[in-house]
Amino acid sequence: MQEIFIDKYIYLSMALFIIGMVGVMIRRNAIVVFMCIELMLNAVNLLMVAFSAKLNDAAGQMFVFFIMTVAAAEVSVGLAIIVMIYRNTRSIDINVANKLKW
């Protein structure tokens, strides 16, 4: 059996998570922010699969399956909200969405 070196997966996962976190903090476009959140979720998924393979335990892969299912539901709801904000304001800028009065 091949030895799994987990340090490379940890570094890649950290890089993906940091890119996603920076994108969420500095971008103003709602769709880009949404994609950065998905990038952070995928970084966590990658790390869970790597640890699952290292420990020879399928529990991490099962958690990844559930995270991907919740992420798919999040995408559908989030894009519906973005479409409704665009219909009302004709912009997907987050600062414009903050000024909406309900």
N, C-alpha and C. Protein backbone atom coordinates (compact mmCIF):
# COMPACT_ATOMS: atom_id res chain seq x y z
N MET A 1 0.83 -1.18 0.00
CA MET A 1 0.00 0.00 0.00
C MET A 1 0.88 1.24 0.00
N GLN A 2 0.47 2.22 -0.74
CA GLN A 2 1.25 3.44 -0.88
C GLN A 2 1.01 4.35 0.32
N GLU A 3 2.10 4.91 0.83
CA GLU A 3 2.01 5.84 1.95
C GLU A 3 1.45 7.17 1.47
N ILE A 4 0.51 7.72 2.20
CA ILE A 4 -0.11 8.99 1.85
C ILE A 4 0.56 10.10 2.65
N PHE A 5 1.17 11.04 1.95
CA PHE A 5 1.79 12.18 2.60
C PHE A 5 0.76 13.29 2.68
N ILE A 6 0.32 13.56 3.87
CA ILE A 6 -0.81 14.47 4.06
C ILE A 6 -0.39 15.94 4.04
N ASP A 7 0.89 16.23 4.20
CA ASP A 7 1.31 17.62 4.30
C ASP A 7 1.02 18.40 3.02
N LYS A 8 1.15 17.78 1.86
CA LYS A 8 0.86 18.48 0.61
C LYS A 8 -0.63 18.79 0.48
N TYR A 9 -1.46 17.88 0.95
CA TYR A 9 -2.91 18.14 0.93
C TYR A 9 -3.27 19.25 1.90
N ILE A 10 -2.60 19.29 3.03
CA ILE A 10 -2.87 20.36 4.00
C ILE A 10 -2.48 21.72 3.42
N TYR A 11 -1.32 21.79 2.76
CA TYR A 11 -0.89 23.05 2.17
C TYR A 11 -1.83 23.51 1.05
N LEU A 12 -2.24 22.57 0.21
CA LEU A 12 -3.16 22.91 -0.87
C LEU A 12 -4.50 23.36 -0.32
N SER A 13 -4.98 22.66 0.69
CA SER A 13 -6.26 23.03 1.30
C SER A 13 -6.17 24.40 1.97
N MET A 14 -5.06 24.67 2.65
CA MET A 14 -4.89 25.99 3.26
C MET A 14 -4.85 27.09 2.21
N ALA A 15 -4.15 26.84 1.11
CA ALA A 15 -4.07 27.85 0.05
C ALA A 15 -5.44 28.12 -0.55
N LEU A 16 -6.22 27.06 -0.81
CA LEU A 16 -7.56 27.25 -1.37
C LEU A 16 -8.46 28.00 -0.39
N PHE A 17 -8.37 27.64 0.89
CA PHE A 17 -9.21 28.30 1.89
C PHE A 17 -8.84 29.77 2.04
N ILE A 18 -7.55 30.08 2.03
CA ILE A 18 -7.12 31.47 2.16
C ILE A 18 -7.54 32.28 0.93
N ILE A 19 -7.43 31.70 -0.26
CA ILE A 19 -7.88 32.40 -1.47
C ILE A 19 -9.38 32.69 -1.38
N GLY A 20 -10.15 31.71 -0.92
CA GLY A 20 -11.58 31.92 -0.76
C GLY A 20 -11.90 32.97 0.29
N MET A 21 -11.18 32.94 1.41
CA MET A 21 -11.42 33.90 2.48
C MET A 21 -11.08 35.33 2.05
N VAL A 22 -9.97 35.49 1.35
CA VAL A 22 -9.60 36.81 0.84
C VAL A 22 -10.62 37.29 -0.18
N GLY A 23 -11.09 36.39 -1.02
CA GLY A 23 -12.11 36.76 -2.00
C GLY A 23 -13.41 37.21 -1.36
N VAL A 24 -13.80 36.56 -0.27
CA VAL A 24 -15.02 36.96 0.43
C VAL A 24 -14.85 38.33 1.06
N MET A 25 -13.65 38.60 1.58
CA MET A 25 -13.45 39.87 2.29
C MET A 25 -13.27 41.06 1.37
N ILE A 26 -12.65 40.90 0.20
CA ILE A 26 -12.33 42.08 -0.60
C ILE A 26 -13.22 42.27 -1.82
N ARG A 27 -13.94 41.26 -2.25
CA ARG A 27 -14.77 41.41 -3.46
C ARG A 27 -16.13 42.00 -3.11
N ARG A 28 -16.72 42.70 -4.07
CA ARG A 28 -18.02 43.31 -3.87
C ARG A 28 -19.10 42.68 -4.74
N ASN A 29 -18.71 41.88 -5.70
CA ASN A 29 -19.65 41.22 -6.58
C ASN A 29 -20.22 40.00 -5.85
N ALA A 30 -21.54 39.90 -5.78
CA ALA A 30 -22.18 38.84 -5.01
C ALA A 30 -21.88 37.45 -5.58
N ILE A 31 -21.78 37.33 -6.88
CA ILE A 31 -21.52 36.03 -7.48
C ILE A 31 -20.09 35.58 -7.19
N VAL A 32 -19.14 36.49 -7.22
CA VAL A 32 -17.76 36.15 -6.90
C VAL A 32 -17.63 35.76 -5.43
N VAL A 33 -18.32 36.47 -4.56
CA VAL A 33 -18.31 36.12 -3.14
C VAL A 33 -18.90 34.73 -2.94
N PHE A 34 -19.95 34.44 -3.67
CA PHE A 34 -20.59 33.14 -3.58
C PHE A 34 -19.64 32.03 -4.05
N MET A 35 -18.90 32.28 -5.13
CA MET A 35 -17.94 31.29 -5.61
C MET A 35 -16.79 31.11 -4.61
N CYS A 36 -16.39 32.17 -3.93
CA CYS A 36 -15.33 32.07 -2.94
C CYS A 36 -15.78 31.24 -1.74
N ILE A 37 -17.04 31.37 -1.35
CA ILE A 37 -17.56 30.54 -0.27
C ILE A 37 -17.54 29.07 -0.68
N GLU A 38 -17.90 28.79 -1.92
CA GLU A 38 -17.85 27.41 -2.41
C GLU A 38 -16.41 26.90 -2.46
N LEU A 39 -15.46 27.77 -2.78
CA LEU A 39 -14.05 27.39 -2.79
C LEU A 39 -13.59 27.01 -1.39
N MET A 40 -14.04 27.74 -0.38
CA MET A 40 -13.69 27.41 1.00
C MET A 40 -14.29 26.07 1.40
N LEU A 41 -15.53 25.80 0.99
CA LEU A 41 -16.14 24.51 1.29
C LEU A 41 -15.38 23.36 0.62
N ASN A 42 -14.94 23.58 -0.61
CA ASN A 42 -14.18 22.54 -1.30
C ASN A 42 -12.80 22.33 -0.68
N ALA A 43 -12.21 23.37 -0.11
CA ALA A 43 -10.94 23.20 0.60
C ALA A 43 -11.12 22.31 1.82
N VAL A 44 -12.21 22.51 2.54
CA VAL A 44 -12.49 21.66 3.69
C VAL A 44 -12.78 20.23 3.24
N ASN A 45 -13.51 20.08 2.15
CA ASN A 45 -13.78 18.74 1.62
C ASN A 45 -12.49 18.01 1.24
N LEU A 46 -11.58 18.71 0.59
CA LEU A 46 -10.30 18.11 0.21
C LEU A 46 -9.54 17.63 1.44
N LEU A 47 -9.53 18.44 2.48
CA LEU A 47 -8.82 18.07 3.69
C LEU A 47 -9.46 16.88 4.38
N MET A 48 -10.78 16.84 4.39
CA MET A 48 -11.47 15.71 5.02
C MET A 48 -11.22 14.41 4.26
N VAL A 49 -11.21 14.46 2.95
CA VAL A 49 -10.93 13.26 2.16
C VAL A 49 -9.48 12.82 2.36
N ALA A 50 -8.56 13.76 2.46
CA ALA A 50 -7.15 13.40 2.67
C ALA A 50 -6.97 12.74 4.02
N PHE A 51 -7.56 13.28 5.06
CA PHE A 51 -7.45 12.66 6.38
C PHE A 51 -8.16 11.31 6.42
N SER A 52 -9.25 11.20 5.70
CA SER A 52 -9.97 9.94 5.64
C SER A 52 -9.12 8.86 4.97
N ALA A 53 -8.43 9.23 3.92
CA ALA A 53 -7.56 8.27 3.24
C ALA A 53 -6.34 7.92 4.11
N LYS A 54 -5.83 8.90 4.83
CA LYS A 54 -4.67 8.66 5.70
C LYS A 54 -5.02 7.72 6.84
N LEU A 55 -6.21 7.87 7.42
CA LEU A 55 -6.62 7.07 8.57
C LEU A 55 -7.34 5.78 8.17
N ASN A 56 -7.52 5.55 6.88
CA ASN A 56 -8.26 4.38 6.38
C ASN A 56 -9.64 4.28 7.01
N ASP A 57 -10.33 5.42 7.05
CA ASP A 57 -11.67 5.48 7.63
C ASP A 57 -12.58 6.17 6.63
N ALA A 58 -13.74 5.59 6.40
CA ALA A 58 -14.66 6.14 5.40
C ALA A 58 -15.57 7.22 5.96
N ALA A 59 -15.47 7.51 7.24
CA ALA A 59 -16.36 8.51 7.85
C ALA A 59 -16.13 9.90 7.25
N GLY A 60 -14.89 10.26 6.97
CA GLY A 60 -14.61 11.57 6.38
C GLY A 60 -15.21 11.71 5.00
N GLN A 61 -15.18 10.64 4.23
CA GLN A 61 -15.77 10.69 2.90
C GLN A 61 -17.28 10.77 2.97
N MET A 62 -17.87 10.17 3.98
CA MET A 62 -19.32 10.29 4.16
C MET A 62 -19.69 11.72 4.53
N PHE A 63 -18.89 12.35 5.39
CA PHE A 63 -19.14 13.75 5.75
C PHE A 63 -19.03 14.65 4.51
N VAL A 64 -18.05 14.36 3.65
CA VAL A 64 -17.89 15.14 2.42
C VAL A 64 -19.13 15.02 1.54
N PHE A 65 -19.69 13.83 1.47
CA PHE A 65 -20.91 13.63 0.69
C PHE A 65 -22.04 14.50 1.22
N PHE A 66 -22.20 14.56 2.53
CA PHE A 66 -23.26 15.38 3.11
C PHE A 66 -22.97 16.87 2.94
N ILE A 67 -21.70 17.26 3.04
CA ILE A 67 -21.35 18.67 2.83
C ILE A 67 -21.65 19.08 1.40
N MET A 68 -21.35 18.21 0.44
CA MET A 68 -21.64 18.53 -0.96
C MET A 68 -23.14 18.63 -1.21
N THR A 69 -23.92 17.81 -0.53
CA THR A 69 -25.37 17.88 -0.66
C THR A 69 -25.90 19.20 -0.12
N VAL A 70 -25.42 19.60 1.04
CA VAL A 70 -25.84 20.88 1.62
C VAL A 70 -25.36 22.04 0.75
N ALA A 71 -24.16 21.94 0.18
CA ALA A 71 -23.64 23.00 -0.69
C ALA A 71 -24.49 23.14 -1.95
N ALA A 72 -24.99 22.03 -2.48
CA ALA A 72 -25.86 22.11 -3.66
C ALA A 72 -27.15 22.84 -3.32
N ALA A 73 -27.71 22.55 -2.15
CA ALA A 73 -28.92 23.27 -1.73
C ALA A 73 -28.61 24.75 -1.50
N GLU A 74 -27.45 25.03 -0.93
CA GLU A 74 -27.04 26.42 -0.69
C GLU A 74 -26.91 27.18 -2.01
N VAL A 75 -26.37 26.53 -3.02
CA VAL A 75 -26.20 27.18 -4.33
C VAL A 75 -27.55 27.56 -4.91
N SER A 76 -28.51 26.65 -4.84
CA SER A 76 -29.82 26.95 -5.43
C SER A 76 -30.51 28.09 -4.68
N VAL A 77 -30.46 28.09 -3.37
CA VAL A 77 -31.10 29.17 -2.60
C VAL A 77 -30.33 30.48 -2.78
N GLY A 78 -29.01 30.40 -2.73
CA GLY A 78 -28.20 31.62 -2.87
C GLY A 78 -28.35 32.27 -4.23
N LEU A 79 -28.37 31.48 -5.29
CA LEU A 79 -28.55 32.07 -6.62
C LEU A 79 -29.94 32.64 -6.79
N ALA A 80 -30.94 32.03 -6.18
CA ALA A 80 -32.30 32.60 -6.22
C ALA A 80 -32.33 33.95 -5.52
N ILE A 81 -31.65 34.07 -4.40
CA ILE A 81 -31.59 35.36 -3.70
C ILE A 81 -30.85 36.39 -4.53
N ILE A 82 -29.75 36.00 -5.16
CA ILE A 82 -28.99 36.94 -6.00
C ILE A 82 -29.84 37.40 -7.18
N VAL A 83 -30.59 36.49 -7.79
CA VAL A 83 -31.45 36.87 -8.91
C VAL A 83 -32.52 37.85 -8.46
N MET A 84 -33.10 37.63 -7.29
CA MET A 84 -34.13 38.56 -6.80
C MET A 84 -33.54 39.93 -6.47
N ILE A 85 -32.34 39.96 -5.92
CA ILE A 85 -31.68 41.24 -5.65
C ILE A 85 -31.38 41.95 -6.96
N TYR A 86 -30.95 41.22 -7.97
CA TYR A 86 -30.66 41.83 -9.27
C TYR A 86 -31.93 42.39 -9.90
N ARG A 87 -33.05 41.67 -9.76
CA ARG A 87 -34.31 42.18 -10.32
C ARG A 87 -34.75 43.47 -9.66
N ASN A 88 -34.49 43.61 -8.36
CA ASN A 88 -34.91 44.82 -7.65
C ASN A 88 -33.97 45.99 -7.83
N THR A 89 -32.67 45.73 -7.94
CA THR A 89 -31.71 46.83 -7.95
C THR A 89 -30.95 46.98 -9.26
N ARG A 90 -31.04 46.00 -10.17
CA ARG A 90 -30.27 45.97 -11.41
C ARG A 90 -28.77 46.03 -11.15
N SER A 91 -28.35 45.47 -10.01
CA SER A 91 -26.94 45.40 -9.65
C SER A 91 -26.73 44.18 -8.76
N ILE A 92 -25.53 43.59 -8.85
CA ILE A 92 -25.21 42.50 -7.94
C ILE A 92 -24.10 42.92 -6.98
N ASP A 93 -23.96 44.23 -6.81
CA ASP A 93 -23.00 44.77 -5.86
C ASP A 93 -23.54 44.58 -4.44
N ILE A 94 -22.71 44.08 -3.55
CA ILE A 94 -23.14 43.81 -2.19
C ILE A 94 -23.50 45.08 -1.45
N ASN A 95 -22.79 46.18 -1.71
CA ASN A 95 -23.10 47.45 -1.03
C ASN A 95 -24.47 47.97 -1.42
N VAL A 96 -24.90 47.75 -2.64
CA VAL A 96 -26.24 48.15 -3.06
C VAL A 96 -27.28 47.28 -2.35
N ALA A 97 -26.98 46.00 -2.21
CA ALA A 97 -27.92 45.09 -1.55
C ALA A 97 -28.07 45.43 -0.07
N ASN A 98 -27.05 45.99 0.55
CA ASN A 98 -27.15 46.38 1.96
C ASN A 98 -28.11 47.53 2.17
N LYS A 99 -28.36 48.32 1.14
CA LYS A 99 -29.22 49.50 1.27
C LYS A 99 -30.68 49.21 0.98
N LEU A 100 -31.03 47.96 0.68
CA LEU A 100 -32.41 47.61 0.40
C LEU A 100 -33.27 47.77 1.66
N LYS A 101 -34.46 48.28 1.49
CA LYS A 101 -35.40 48.39 2.60
C LYS A 101 -36.48 47.35 2.40
N TRP A 102 -36.73 46.56 3.41
CA TRP A 102 -37.70 45.49 3.30
C TRP A 102 -39.00 45.94 3.84
